[in-house]
Amino acid sequence: MAELQQSTESGFFVSIKLENLLKVLADPVRLQILRILSNDSSLCCRLVPMVPKIEFRSEPQYGLCVQDLVAHLDIPQSTVSHHLAVLRNSGLVCSVKQGVCVYYYRDEQVLKALKDAIISL
C-alpha cells in the first residue's frame, strides 16, 4: 500500500501508511473535526499562538481548543479528546499548548500528501 512521508519535529521523515490514514478518516466525527479545523471554516476563529515549531508558516495558523469543538459538535468532551488524539497520532492534526489551552490545527502538508496519494490510485 502507498506510504506518505511526514516530517517529524526533529526534522526526520517517517512513513505513514495510506490505509491507516483512511481508517482514521473513516469516522464521521473525525471528518467533521477536520472540516471545522479548516482555515476556510467560519467556525475556526482562534489564532494559534506562534511557537518555534510552526514559525516557518507564512500565513497565520488558526485552530480551536477542545472546548470550542465540544460546543460545535455537541458531543462529550472525552469523545472529542479521543478523536483529537487519534487525529494527532496519525499526523493529520497538530497541537500547540498555550497556558491551560491546547489549540488544534490541521497539518496541511500531510493532508496535501494524502490527497495526492489518493489521486494517484
PDB file of N, CA and C in Angstrom:
ATOM      1  N   MET A   1       0.845  -1.169   0.000  1.00  0.00           N
ATOM      2  CA  MET A   1       0.000   0.000   0.000  1.00  0.00           C
ATOM      3  C   MET A   1       0.889   1.230   0.000  1.00  0.00           C
ATOM      4  N   ALA A   2       0.393   2.335  -0.498  1.00  0.00           N
ATOM      5  CA  ALA A   2       1.159   3.568  -0.601  1.00  0.00           C
ATOM      6  C   ALA A   2       1.533   4.094   0.780  1.00  0.00           C
ATOM      7  N   GLU A   3       2.681   4.758   0.829  1.00  0.00           N
ATOM      8  CA  GLU A   3       3.119   5.369   2.070  1.00  0.00           C
ATOM      9  C   GLU A   3       3.365   6.844   1.836  1.00  0.00           C
ATOM     10  N   LEU A   4       3.017   7.653   2.828  1.00  0.00           N
ATOM     11  CA  LEU A   4       3.258   9.090   2.785  1.00  0.00           C
ATOM     12  C   LEU A   4       4.457   9.391   3.660  1.00  0.00           C
ATOM     13  N   GLN A   5       5.171  10.436   3.337  1.00  0.00           N
ATOM     14  CA  GLN A   5       6.297  10.854   4.153  1.00  0.00           C
ATOM     15  C   GLN A   5       5.866  12.056   4.986  1.00  0.00           C
ATOM     16  N   GLN A   6       6.079  11.988   6.288  1.00  0.00           N
ATOM     17  CA  GLN A   6       5.728  13.081   7.171  1.00  0.00           C
ATOM     18  C   GLN A   6       6.968  13.530   7.916  1.00  0.00           C
ATOM     19  N   SER A   7       7.178  14.838   7.993  1.00  0.00           N
ATOM     20  CA  SER A   7       8.295  15.381   8.737  1.00  0.00           C
ATOM     21  C   SER A   7       7.959  15.396  10.218  1.00  0.00           C
ATOM     22  N   THR A   8       8.903  14.958  11.031  1.00  0.00           N
ATOM     23  CA  THR A   8       8.705  14.996  12.478  1.00  0.00           C
ATOM     24  C   THR A   8       9.304  16.285  13.020  1.00  0.00           C
ATOM     25  N   GLU A   9       9.075  16.559  14.284  1.00  0.00           N
ATOM     26  CA  GLU A   9       9.616  17.766  14.905  1.00  0.00           C
ATOM     27  C   GLU A   9      11.140  17.797  14.831  1.00  0.00           C
ATOM     28  N   SER A  10      11.776  16.639  14.836  1.00  0.00           N
ATOM     29  CA  SER A  10      13.233  16.583  14.799  1.00  0.00           C
ATOM     30  C   SER A  10      13.790  16.751  13.392  1.00  0.00           C
ATOM     31  N   GLY A  11      12.921  16.865  12.392  1.00  0.00           N
ATOM     32  CA  GLY A  11      13.376  17.053  11.026  1.00  0.00           C
ATOM     33  C   GLY A  11      13.491  15.763  10.230  1.00  0.00           C
ATOM     34  N   PHE A  12      13.331  14.617  10.870  1.00  0.00           N
ATOM     35  CA  PHE A  12      13.372  13.342  10.179  1.00  0.00           C
ATOM     36  C   PHE A  12      12.020  13.052   9.541  1.00  0.00           C
ATOM     37  N   PHE A  13      12.022  12.217   8.534  1.00  0.00           N
ATOM     38  CA  PHE A  13      10.780  11.838   7.881  1.00  0.00           C
ATOM     39  C   PHE A  13      10.390  10.434   8.300  1.00  0.00           C
ATOM     40  N   VAL A  14       9.098  10.254   8.558  1.00  0.00           N
ATOM     41  CA  VAL A  14       8.586   8.932   8.881  1.00  0.00           C
ATOM     42  C   VAL A  14       7.542   8.566   7.841  1.00  0.00           C
ATOM     43  N   SER A  15       7.378   7.284   7.627  1.00  0.00           N
ATOM     44  CA  SER A  15       6.388   6.819   6.665  1.00  0.00           C
ATOM     45  C   SER A  15       5.053   6.600   7.356  1.00  0.00           C
ATOM     46  N   ILE A  16       4.008   7.014   6.685  1.00  0.00           N
ATOM     47  CA  ILE A  16       2.657   6.804   7.183  1.00  0.00           C
ATOM     48  C   ILE A  16       1.935   5.979   6.132  1.00  0.00           C
ATOM     49  N   LYS A  17       1.336   4.885   6.547  1.00  0.00           N
ATOM     50  CA  LYS A  17       0.626   4.038   5.595  1.00  0.00           C
ATOM     51  C   LYS A  17      -0.708   4.661   5.232  1.00  0.00           C
ATOM     52  N   LEU A  18      -0.992   4.675   3.950  1.00  0.00           N
ATOM     53  CA  LEU A  18      -2.229   5.247   3.444  1.00  0.00           C
ATOM     54  C   LEU A  18      -3.442   4.571   4.063  1.00  0.00           C
ATOM     55  N   GLU A  19      -3.392   3.242   4.205  1.00  0.00           N
ATOM     56  CA  GLU A  19      -4.566   2.548   4.758  1.00  0.00           C
ATOM     57  C   GLU A  19      -4.844   2.966   6.204  1.00  0.00           C
ATOM     58  N   ASN A  20      -3.786   3.313   6.966  1.00  0.00           N
ATOM     59  CA  ASN A  20      -4.002   3.776   8.341  1.00  0.00           C
ATOM     60  C   ASN A  20      -4.698   5.137   8.362  1.00  0.00           C
ATOM     61  N   LEU A  21      -4.285   6.025   7.466  1.00  0.00           N
ATOM     62  CA  LEU A  21      -4.938   7.335   7.406  1.00  0.00           C
ATOM     63  C   LEU A  21      -6.384   7.208   6.948  1.00  0.00           C
ATOM     64  N   LEU A  22      -6.633   6.304   6.025  1.00  0.00           N
ATOM     65  CA  LEU A  22      -8.004   6.124   5.560  1.00  0.00           C
ATOM     66  C   LEU A  22      -8.887   5.557   6.667  1.00  0.00           C
ATOM     67  N   LYS A  23      -8.328   4.691   7.510  1.00  0.00           N
ATOM     68  CA  LYS A  23      -9.086   4.180   8.657  1.00  0.00           C
ATOM     69  C   LYS A  23      -9.421   5.314   9.626  1.00  0.00           C
ATOM     70  N   VAL A  24      -8.461   6.193   9.846  1.00  0.00           N
ATOM     71  CA  VAL A  24      -8.693   7.338  10.723  1.00  0.00           C
ATOM     72  C   VAL A  24      -9.811   8.212  10.162  1.00  0.00           C
ATOM     73  N   LEU A  25      -9.794   8.413   8.864  1.00  0.00           N
ATOM     74  CA  LEU A  25     -10.784   9.283   8.225  1.00  0.00           C
ATOM     75  C   LEU A  25     -12.132   8.610   8.008  1.00  0.00           C
ATOM     76  N   ALA A  26     -12.229   7.327   8.279  1.00  0.00           N
ATOM     77  CA  ALA A  26     -13.494   6.613   8.083  1.00  0.00           C
ATOM     78  C   ALA A  26     -14.536   6.996   9.132  1.00  0.00           C
ATOM     79  N   ASP A  27     -14.121   7.623  10.196  1.00  0.00           N
ATOM     80  CA  ASP A  27     -15.061   8.024  11.248  1.00  0.00           C
ATOM     81  C   ASP A  27     -15.664   9.396  10.913  1.00  0.00           C
ATOM     82  N   PRO A  28     -16.991   9.505  10.872  1.00  0.00           N
ATOM     83  CA  PRO A  28     -17.628  10.775  10.509  1.00  0.00           C
ATOM     84  C   PRO A  28     -17.324  11.921  11.473  1.00  0.00           C
ATOM     85  N   VAL A  29     -17.103  11.620  12.753  1.00  0.00           N
ATOM     86  CA  VAL A  29     -16.795  12.692  13.708  1.00  0.00           C
ATOM     87  C   VAL A  29     -15.416  13.274  13.400  1.00  0.00           C
ATOM     88  N   ARG A  30     -14.466  12.404  13.058  1.00  0.00           N
ATOM     89  CA  ARG A  30     -13.121  12.895  12.729  1.00  0.00           C
ATOM     90  C   ARG A  30     -13.130  13.732  11.460  1.00  0.00           C
ATOM     91  N   LEU A  31     -13.920  13.313  10.487  1.00  0.00           N
ATOM     92  CA  LEU A  31     -14.051  14.127   9.274  1.00  0.00           C
ATOM     93  C   LEU A  31     -14.652  15.492   9.595  1.00  0.00           C
ATOM     94  N   GLN A  32     -15.635  15.501  10.471  1.00  0.00           N
ATOM     95  CA  GLN A  32     -16.271  16.759  10.849  1.00  0.00           C
ATOM     96  C   GLN A  32     -15.274  17.656  11.594  1.00  0.00           C
ATOM     97  N   ILE A  33     -14.459  17.072  12.458  1.00  0.00           N
ATOM     98  CA  ILE A  33     -13.437  17.853  13.157  1.00  0.00           C
ATOM     99  C   ILE A  33     -12.467  18.469  12.158  1.00  0.00           C
ATOM    100  N   LEU A  34     -12.035  17.690  11.165  1.00  0.00           N
ATOM    101  CA  LEU A  34     -11.119  18.233  10.158  1.00  0.00           C
ATOM    102  C   LEU A  34     -11.766  19.369   9.373  1.00  0.00           C
ATOM    103  N   ARG A  35     -13.054  19.232   9.079  1.00  0.00           N
ATOM    104  CA  ARG A  35     -13.751  20.315   8.369  1.00  0.00           C
ATOM    105  C   ARG A  35     -13.827  21.570   9.232  1.00  0.00           C
ATOM    106  N   ILE A  36     -14.133  21.391  10.495  1.00  0.00           N
ATOM    107  CA  ILE A  36     -14.218  22.540  11.401  1.00  0.00           C
ATOM    108  C   ILE A  36     -12.862  23.222  11.547  1.00  0.00           C
ATOM    109  N   LEU A  37     -11.795  22.420  11.576  1.00  0.00           N
ATOM    110  CA  LEU A  37     -10.450  22.980  11.731  1.00  0.00           C
ATOM    111  C   LEU A  37      -9.896  23.584  10.442  1.00  0.00           C
ATOM    112  N   SER A  38     -10.628  23.482   9.365  1.00  0.00           N
ATOM    113  CA  SER A  38     -10.180  24.071   8.107  1.00  0.00           C
ATOM    114  C   SER A  38     -10.053  25.577   8.264  1.00  0.00           C
ATOM    115  N   ASN A  39      -8.991  26.145   7.717  1.00  0.00           N
ATOM    116  CA  ASN A  39      -8.822  27.601   7.761  1.00  0.00           C
ATOM    117  C   ASN A  39      -9.944  28.309   7.016  1.00  0.00           C
ATOM    118  N   ASP A  40     -10.634  27.604   6.122  1.00  0.00           N
ATOM    119  CA  ASP A  40     -11.737  28.191   5.369  1.00  0.00           C
ATOM    120  C   ASP A  40     -13.029  28.192   6.173  1.00  0.00           C
ATOM    121  N   SER A  41     -13.061  27.475   7.279  1.00  0.00           N
ATOM    122  CA  SER A  41     -14.285  27.345   8.062  1.00  0.00           C
ATOM    123  C   SER A  41     -14.565  28.624   8.830  1.00  0.00           C
ATOM    124  N   SER A  42     -15.798  29.066   8.800  1.00  0.00           N
ATOM    125  CA  SER A  42     -16.174  30.255   9.555  1.00  0.00           C
ATOM    126  C   SER A  42     -16.160  29.983  11.054  1.00  0.00           C
ATOM    127  N   LEU A  43     -16.183  28.695  11.443  1.00  0.00           N
ATOM    128  CA  LEU A  43     -16.154  28.344  12.855  1.00  0.00           C
ATOM    129  C   LEU A  43     -14.752  28.436  13.436  1.00  0.00           C
ATOM    130  N   CYS A  44     -13.745  28.360  12.598  1.00  0.00           N
ATOM    131  CA  CYS A  44     -12.360  28.320  13.058  1.00  0.00           C
ATOM    132  C   CYS A  44     -11.868  29.754  13.229  1.00  0.00           C
ATOM    133  N   CYS A  45     -11.939  30.247  14.440  1.00  0.00           N
ATOM    134  CA  CYS A  45     -11.722  31.680  14.632  1.00  0.00           C
ATOM    135  C   CYS A  45     -10.559  32.018  15.552  1.00  0.00           C
ATOM    136  N   ARG A  46      -9.863  31.077  16.063  1.00  0.00           N
ATOM    137  CA  ARG A  46      -8.796  31.350  17.020  1.00  0.00           C
ATOM    138  C   ARG A  46      -7.436  31.298  16.342  1.00  0.00           C
ATOM    139  N   LEU A  47      -6.656  32.312  16.564  1.00  0.00           N
ATOM    140  CA  LEU A  47      -5.298  32.337  16.046  1.00  0.00           C
ATOM    141  C   LEU A  47      -4.422  31.486  16.958  1.00  0.00           C
ATOM    142  N   VAL A  48      -3.746  30.501  16.392  1.00  0.00           N
ATOM    143  CA  VAL A  48      -2.866  29.638  17.175  1.00  0.00           C
ATOM    144  C   VAL A  48      -1.625  30.443  17.549  1.00  0.00           C
ATOM    145  N   PRO A  49      -1.228  30.444  18.824  1.00  0.00           N
ATOM    146  CA  PRO A  49      -0.033  31.191  19.233  1.00  0.00           C
ATOM    147  C   PRO A  49       1.188  30.709  18.463  1.00  0.00           C
ATOM    148  N   MET A  50       2.016  31.636  18.050  1.00  0.00           N
ATOM    149  CA  MET A  50       3.219  31.282  17.300  1.00  0.00           C
ATOM    150  C   MET A  50       4.261  30.685  18.251  1.00  0.00           C
ATOM    151  N   VAL A  51       4.731  29.528  17.902  1.00  0.00           N
ATOM    152  CA  VAL A  51       5.792  28.868  18.657  1.00  0.00           C
ATOM    153  C   VAL A  51       6.847  28.436  17.652  1.00  0.00           C
ATOM    154  N   PRO A  52       8.064  28.182  18.089  1.00  0.00           N
ATOM    155  CA  PRO A  52       9.138  27.838  17.144  1.00  0.00           C
ATOM    156  C   PRO A  52       8.778  26.726  16.177  1.00  0.00           C
ATOM    157  N   LYS A  53       7.982  25.765  16.619  1.00  0.00           N
ATOM    158  CA  LYS A  53       7.659  24.603  15.796  1.00  0.00           C
ATOM    159  C   LYS A  53       6.849  24.977  14.555  1.00  0.00           C
ATOM    160  N   ILE A  54       6.064  26.075  14.613  1.00  0.00           N
ATOM    161  CA  ILE A  54       5.246  26.441  13.454  1.00  0.00           C
ATOM    162  C   ILE A  54       5.570  27.836  12.918  1.00  0.00           C
ATOM    163  N   GLU A  55       6.657  28.448  13.365  1.00  0.00           N
ATOM    164  CA  GLU A  55       7.003  29.800  12.923  1.00  0.00           C
ATOM    165  C   GLU A  55       7.328  29.877  11.441  1.00  0.00           C
ATOM    166  N   PHE A  56       7.682  28.782  10.809  1.00  0.00           N
ATOM    167  CA  PHE A  56       8.065  28.798   9.407  1.00  0.00           C
ATOM    168  C   PHE A  56       6.872  29.070   8.495  1.00  0.00           C
ATOM    169  N   ARG A  57       5.675  28.991   9.004  1.00  0.00           N
ATOM    170  CA  ARG A  57       4.485  29.218   8.188  1.00  0.00           C
ATOM    171  C   ARG A  57       4.369  30.704   7.875  1.00  0.00           C
ATOM    172  N   SER A  58       4.081  31.027   6.621  1.00  0.00           N
ATOM    173  CA  SER A  58       3.977  32.423   6.226  1.00  0.00           C
ATOM    174  C   SER A  58       2.620  33.029   6.570  1.00  0.00           C
ATOM    175  N   GLU A  59       1.583  32.217   6.574  1.00  0.00           N
ATOM    176  CA  GLU A  59       0.244  32.712   6.888  1.00  0.00           C
ATOM    177  C   GLU A  59      -0.098  32.370   8.332  1.00  0.00           C
ATOM    178  N   PRO A  60      -0.993  33.148   8.944  1.00  0.00           N
ATOM    179  CA  PRO A  60      -1.386  32.805  10.312  1.00  0.00           C
ATOM    180  C   PRO A  60      -2.078  31.451  10.352  1.00  0.00           C
ATOM    181  N   GLN A  61      -1.895  30.728  11.436  1.00  0.00           N
ATOM    182  CA  GLN A  61      -2.499  29.418  11.597  1.00  0.00           C
ATOM    183  C   GLN A  61      -3.656  29.542  12.578  1.00  0.00           C
ATOM    184  N   TYR A  62      -4.806  28.995  12.196  1.00  0.00           N
ATOM    185  CA  TYR A  62      -5.985  29.070  13.046  1.00  0.00           C
ATOM    186  C   TYR A  62      -6.334  27.684  13.567  1.00  0.00           C
ATOM    187  N   GLY A  63      -6.867  27.644  14.757  1.00  0.00           N
ATOM    188  CA  GLY A  63      -7.252  26.373  15.339  1.00  0.00           C
ATOM    189  C   GLY A  63      -8.261  26.579  16.443  1.00  0.00           C
ATOM    190  N   LEU A  64      -8.663  25.508  17.052  1.00  0.00           N
ATOM    191  CA  LEU A  64      -9.643  25.547  18.127  1.00  0.00           C
ATOM    192  C   LEU A  64      -9.177  24.675  19.283  1.00  0.00           C
ATOM    193  N   CYS A  65      -9.665  24.996  20.470  1.00  0.00           N
ATOM    194  CA  CYS A  65      -9.384  24.147  21.632  1.00  0.00           C
ATOM    195  C   CYS A  65     -10.516  23.128  21.783  1.00  0.00           C
ATOM    196  N   VAL A  66     -10.325  22.176  22.661  1.00  0.00           N
ATOM    197  CA  VAL A  66     -11.299  21.102  22.852  1.00  0.00           C
ATOM    198  C   VAL A  66     -12.673  21.668  23.204  1.00  0.00           C
ATOM    199  N   GLN A  67     -12.696  22.668  24.070  1.00  0.00           N
ATOM    200  CA  GLN A  67     -13.974  23.234  24.498  1.00  0.00           C
ATOM    201  C   GLN A  67     -14.732  23.848  23.317  1.00  0.00           C
ATOM    202  N   ASP A  68     -14.028  24.489  22.392  1.00  0.00           N
ATOM    203  CA  ASP A  68     -14.666  25.051  21.202  1.00  0.00           C
ATOM    204  C   ASP A  68     -15.275  23.937  20.352  1.00  0.00           C
ATOM    205  N   LEU A  69     -14.523  22.853  20.180  1.00  0.00           N
ATOM    206  CA  LEU A  69     -15.019  21.736  19.374  1.00  0.00           C
ATOM    207  C   LEU A  69     -16.208  21.053  20.037  1.00  0.00           C
ATOM    208  N   VAL A  70     -16.182  20.948  21.367  1.00  0.00           N
ATOM    209  CA  VAL A  70     -17.319  20.358  22.086  1.00  0.00           C
ATOM    210  C   VAL A  70     -18.577  21.181  21.820  1.00  0.00           C
ATOM    211  N   ALA A  71     -18.433  22.501  21.847  1.00  0.00           N
ATOM    212  CA  ALA A  71     -19.584  23.373  21.611  1.00  0.00           C
ATOM    213  C   ALA A  71     -20.123  23.225  20.194  1.00  0.00           C
ATOM    214  N   HIS A  72     -19.238  23.076  19.214  1.00  0.00           N
ATOM    215  CA  HIS A  72     -19.664  22.949  17.815  1.00  0.00           C
ATOM    216  C   HIS A  72     -20.227  21.578  17.497  1.00  0.00           C
ATOM    217  N   LEU A  73     -19.678  20.536  18.123  1.00  0.00           N
ATOM    218  CA  LEU A  73     -20.078  19.168  17.795  1.00  0.00           C
ATOM    219  C   LEU A  73     -21.218  18.650  18.666  1.00  0.00           C
ATOM    220  N   ASP A  74     -21.394  19.241  19.833  1.00  0.00           N
ATOM    221  CA  ASP A  74     -22.435  18.822  20.770  1.00  0.00           C
ATOM    222  C   ASP A  74     -22.285  17.347  21.153  1.00  0.00           C
ATOM    223  N   ILE A  75     -21.032  16.952  21.452  1.00  0.00           N
ATOM    224  CA  ILE A  75     -20.731  15.611  21.957  1.00  0.00           C
ATOM    225  C   ILE A  75     -19.840  15.777  23.189  1.00  0.00           C
ATOM    226  N   PRO A  76     -19.729  14.769  24.035  1.00  0.00           N
ATOM    227  CA  PRO A  76     -18.945  14.900  25.276  1.00  0.00           C
ATOM    228  C   PRO A  76     -17.477  15.248  25.027  1.00  0.00           C
ATOM    229  N   GLN A  77     -16.914  15.954  25.994  1.00  0.00           N
ATOM    230  CA  GLN A  77     -15.523  16.389  25.898  1.00  0.00           C
ATOM    231  C   GLN A  77     -14.576  15.196  25.780  1.00  0.00           C
ATOM    232  N   SER A  78     -14.860  14.115  26.492  1.00  0.00           N
ATOM    233  CA  SER A  78     -13.984  12.940  26.437  1.00  0.00           C
ATOM    234  C   SER A  78     -13.976  12.332  25.032  1.00  0.00           C
ATOM    235  N   THR A  79     -15.116  12.364  24.350  1.00  0.00           N
ATOM    236  CA  THR A  79     -15.195  11.826  22.982  1.00  0.00           C
ATOM    237  C   THR A  79     -14.405  12.696  22.022  1.00  0.00           C
ATOM    238  N   VAL A  80     -14.544  14.012  22.155  1.00  0.00           N
ATOM    239  CA  VAL A  80     -13.784  14.936  21.301  1.00  0.00           C
ATOM    240  C   VAL A  80     -12.288  14.748  21.540  1.00  0.00           C
ATOM    241  N   SER A  81     -11.888  14.646  22.802  1.00  0.00           N
ATOM    242  CA  SER A  81     -10.466  14.453  23.118  1.00  0.00           C
ATOM    243  C   SER A  81      -9.928  13.158  22.525  1.00  0.00           C
ATOM    244  N   HIS A  82     -10.725  12.104  22.579  1.00  0.00           N
ATOM    245  CA  HIS A  82     -10.312  10.824  21.990  1.00  0.00           C
ATOM    246  C   HIS A  82     -10.082  10.974  20.485  1.00  0.00           C
ATOM    247  N   HIS A  83     -11.028  11.582  19.793  1.00  0.00           N
ATOM    248  CA  HIS A  83     -10.892  11.751  18.341  1.00  0.00           C
ATOM    249  C   HIS A  83      -9.709  12.656  17.991  1.00  0.00           C
ATOM    250  N   LEU A  84      -9.493  13.699  18.784  1.00  0.00           N
ATOM    251  CA  LEU A  84      -8.338  14.568  18.543  1.00  0.00           C
ATOM    252  C   LEU A  84      -7.030  13.812  18.746  1.00  0.00           C
ATOM    253  N   ALA A  85      -6.983  12.930  19.733  1.00  0.00           N
ATOM    254  CA  ALA A  85      -5.772  12.124  19.962  1.00  0.00           C
ATOM    255  C   ALA A  85      -5.500  11.210  18.777  1.00  0.00           C
ATOM    256  N   VAL A  86      -6.545  10.601  18.237  1.00  0.00           N
ATOM    257  CA  VAL A  86      -6.379   9.735  17.057  1.00  0.00           C
ATOM    258  C   VAL A  86      -5.882  10.558  15.878  1.00  0.00           C
ATOM    259  N   LEU A  87      -6.482  11.725  15.654  1.00  0.00           N
ATOM    260  CA  LEU A  87      -6.063  12.592  14.545  1.00  0.00           C
ATOM    261  C   LEU A  87      -4.632  13.085  14.741  1.00  0.00           C
ATOM    262  N   ARG A  88      -4.272  13.427  15.966  1.00  0.00           N
ATOM    263  CA  ARG A  88      -2.921  13.910  16.242  1.00  0.00           C
ATOM    264  C   ARG A  88      -1.908  12.782  16.072  1.00  0.00           C
ATOM    265  N   ASN A  89      -2.217  11.581  16.568  1.00  0.00           N
ATOM    266  CA  ASN A  89      -1.294  10.446  16.437  1.00  0.00           C
ATOM    267  C   ASN A  89      -1.104  10.026  14.984  1.00  0.00           C
ATOM    268  N   SER A  90      -2.109  10.277  14.152  1.00  0.00           N
ATOM    269  CA  SER A  90      -1.984   9.933  12.733  1.00  0.00           C
ATOM    270  C   SER A  90      -1.220  10.995  11.952  1.00  0.00           C
ATOM    271  N   GLY A  91      -0.997  12.161  12.557  1.00  0.00           N
ATOM    272  CA  GLY A  91      -0.279  13.234  11.884  1.00  0.00           C
ATOM    273  C   GLY A  91      -1.167  14.202  11.135  1.00  0.00           C
ATOM    274  N   LEU A  92      -2.477  13.990  11.153  1.00  0.00           N
ATOM    275  CA  LEU A  92      -3.386  14.875  10.423  1.00  0.00           C
ATOM    276  C   LEU A  92      -3.645  16.181  11.156  1.00  0.00           C
ATOM    277  N   VAL A  93      -3.492  16.169  12.478  1.00  0.00           N
ATOM    278  CA  VAL A  93      -3.743  17.345  13.301  1.00  0.00           C
ATOM    279  C   VAL A  93      -2.536  17.575  14.193  1.00  0.00           C
ATOM    280  N   CYS A  94      -2.191  18.844  14.396  1.00  0.00           N
ATOM    281  CA  CYS A  94      -1.113  19.221  15.306  1.00  0.00           C
ATOM    282  C   CYS A  94      -1.716  20.012  16.459  1.00  0.00           C
ATOM    283  N   SER A  95      -0.944  20.191  17.504  1.00  0.00           N
ATOM    284  CA  SER A  95      -1.445  20.944  18.649  1.00  0.00           C
ATOM    285  C   SER A  95      -0.351  21.847  19.206  1.00  0.00           C
ATOM    286  N   VAL A  96      -0.810  22.938  19.827  1.00  0.00           N
ATOM    287  CA  VAL A  96       0.078  23.888  20.482  1.00  0.00           C
ATOM    288  C   VAL A  96      -0.530  24.215  21.830  1.00  0.00           C
ATOM    289  N   LYS A  97       0.246  24.075  22.895  1.00  0.00           N
ATOM    290  CA  LYS A  97      -0.256  24.402  24.231  1.00  0.00           C
ATOM    291  C   LYS A  97       0.098  25.845  24.543  1.00  0.00           C
ATOM    292  N   GLN A  98      -0.918  26.594  24.972  1.00  0.00           N
ATOM    293  CA  GLN A  98      -0.722  27.985  25.382  1.00  0.00           C
ATOM    294  C   GLN A  98      -1.455  28.175  26.703  1.00  0.00           C
ATOM    295  N   GLY A  99      -0.729  28.261  27.792  1.00  0.00           N
ATOM    296  CA  GLY A  99      -1.359  28.344  29.107  1.00  0.00           C
ATOM    297  C   GLY A  99      -2.086  27.047  29.406  1.00  0.00           C
ATOM    298  N   VAL A 100      -3.380  27.155  29.746  1.00  0.00           N
ATOM    299  CA  VAL A 100      -4.166  25.961  30.045  1.00  0.00           C
ATOM    300  C   VAL A 100      -4.870  25.420  28.803  1.00  0.00           C
ATOM    301  N   CYS A 101      -4.807  26.150  27.697  1.00  0.00           N
ATOM    302  CA  CYS A 101      -5.491  25.724  26.464  1.00  0.00           C
ATOM    303  C   CYS A 101      -4.523  25.023  25.519  1.00  0.00           C
ATOM    304  N   VAL A 102      -5.043  24.021  24.825  1.00  0.00           N
ATOM    305  CA  VAL A 102      -4.311  23.370  23.746  1.00  0.00           C
ATOM    306  C   VAL A 102      -5.084  23.654  22.472  1.00  0.00           C
ATOM    307  N   TYR A 103      -4.430  24.302  21.512  1.00  0.00           N
ATOM    308  CA  TYR A 103      -5.057  24.637  20.243  1.00  0.00           C
ATOM    309  C   TYR A 103      -4.710  23.565  19.218  1.00  0.00           C
ATOM    310  N   TYR A 104      -5.714  23.089  18.506  1.00  0.00           N
ATOM    311  CA  TYR A 104      -5.540  22.062  17.488  1.00  0.00           C
ATOM    312  C   TYR A 104      -5.729  22.675  16.111  1.00  0.00           C
ATOM    313  N   TYR A 105      -4.882  22.265  15.171  1.00  0.00           N
ATOM    314  CA  TYR A 105      -4.985  22.743  13.794  1.00  0.00           C
ATOM    315  C   TYR A 105      -4.563  21.628  12.853  1.00  0.00           C
ATOM    316  N   ARG A 106      -5.026  21.731  11.623  1.00  0.00           N
ATOM    317  CA  ARG A 106      -4.729  20.707  10.618  1.00  0.00           C
ATOM    318  C   ARG A 106      -3.296  20.837  10.126  1.00  0.00           C
ATOM    319  N   ASP A 107      -2.671  19.707   9.837  1.00  0.00           N
ATOM    320  CA  ASP A 107      -1.359  19.718   9.189  1.00  0.00           C
ATOM    321  C   ASP A 107      -1.616  19.658   7.694  1.00  0.00           C
ATOM    322  N   GLU A 108      -1.602  20.800   7.070  1.00  0.00           N
ATOM    323  CA  GLU A 108      -1.962  20.894   5.653  1.00  0.00           C
ATOM    324  C   GLU A 108      -0.992  20.134   4.750  1.00  0.00           C
ATOM    325  N   GLN A 109       0.276  20.000   5.167  1.00  0.00           N
ATOM    326  CA  GLN A 109       1.239  19.249   4.353  1.00  0.00           C
ATOM    327  C   GLN A 109       0.865  17.777   4.301  1.00  0.00           C
ATOM    328  N   VAL A 110       0.466  17.212   5.429  1.00  0.00           N
ATOM    329  CA  VAL A 110       0.068  15.796   5.460  1.00  0.00           C
ATOM    330  C   VAL A 110      -1.226  15.611   4.672  1.00  0.00           C
ATOM    331  N   LEU A 111      -2.162  16.543   4.824  1.00  0.00           N
ATOM    332  CA  LEU A 111      -3.425  16.441   4.078  1.00  0.00           C
ATOM    333  C   LEU A 111      -3.194  16.548   2.576  1.00  0.00           C
ATOM    334  N   LYS A 112      -2.247  17.397   2.161  1.00  0.00           N
ATOM    335  CA  LYS A 112      -1.937  17.507   0.730  1.00  0.00           C
ATOM    336  C   LYS A 112      -1.294  16.219   0.226  1.00  0.00           C
ATOM    337  N   ALA A 113      -0.386  15.648   0.998  1.00  0.00           N
ATOM    338  CA  ALA A 113       0.244  14.370   0.611  1.00  0.00           C
ATOM    339  C   ALA A 113      -0.798  13.266   0.529  1.00  0.00           C
ATOM    340  N   LEU A 114      -1.756  13.268   1.454  1.00  0.00           N
ATOM    341  CA  LEU A 114      -2.837  12.282   1.430  1.00  0.00           C
ATOM    342  C   LEU A 114      -3.689  12.457   0.181  1.00  0.00           C
ATOM    343  N   LYS A 115      -4.033  13.686  -0.129  1.00  0.00           N
ATOM    344  CA  LYS A 115      -4.838  13.959  -1.329  1.00  0.00           C
ATOM    345  C   LYS A 115      -4.095  13.505  -2.588  1.00  0.00           C
ATOM    346  N   ASP A 116      -2.804  13.808  -2.666  1.00  0.00           N
ATOM    347  CA  ASP A 116      -2.004  13.387  -3.828  1.00  0.00           C
ATOM    348  C   ASP A 116      -1.939  11.872  -3.937  1.00  0.00           C
ATOM    349  N   ALA A 117      -1.816  11.182  -2.799  1.00  0.00           N
ATOM    350  CA  ALA A 117      -1.755   9.716  -2.810  1.00  0.00           C
ATOM    351  C   ALA A 117      -3.069   9.117  -3.284  1.00  0.00           C
ATOM    352  N   ILE A 118      -4.166   9.712  -2.868  1.00  0.00           N
ATOM    353  CA  ILE A 118      -5.481   9.209  -3.288  1.00  0.00           C
ATOM    354  C   ILE A 118      -5.683   9.450  -4.775  1.00  0.00           C
ATOM    355  N   ILE A 119      -5.291  10.602  -5.261  1.00  0.00           N
ATOM    356  CA  ILE A 119      -5.443  10.909  -6.686  1.00  0.00           C
ATOM    357  C   ILE A 119      -4.621   9.952  -7.537  1.00  0.00           C
ATOM    358  N   SER A 120      -3.457   9.527  -7.029  1.00  0.00           N
ATOM    359  CA  SER A 120      -2.588   8.653  -7.820  1.00  0.00           C
ATOM    360  C   SER A 120      -3.016   7.190  -7.812  1.00  0.00           C
ATOM    361  N   LEU A 121      -4.081   6.841  -7.080  1.00  0.00           N
ATOM    362  CA  LEU A 121      -4.544   5.443  -7.047  1.00  0.00           C
ATOM    363  C   LEU A 121      -5.096   5.005  -8.384  1.00  0.00           C
TER     364      LEU A 121
END
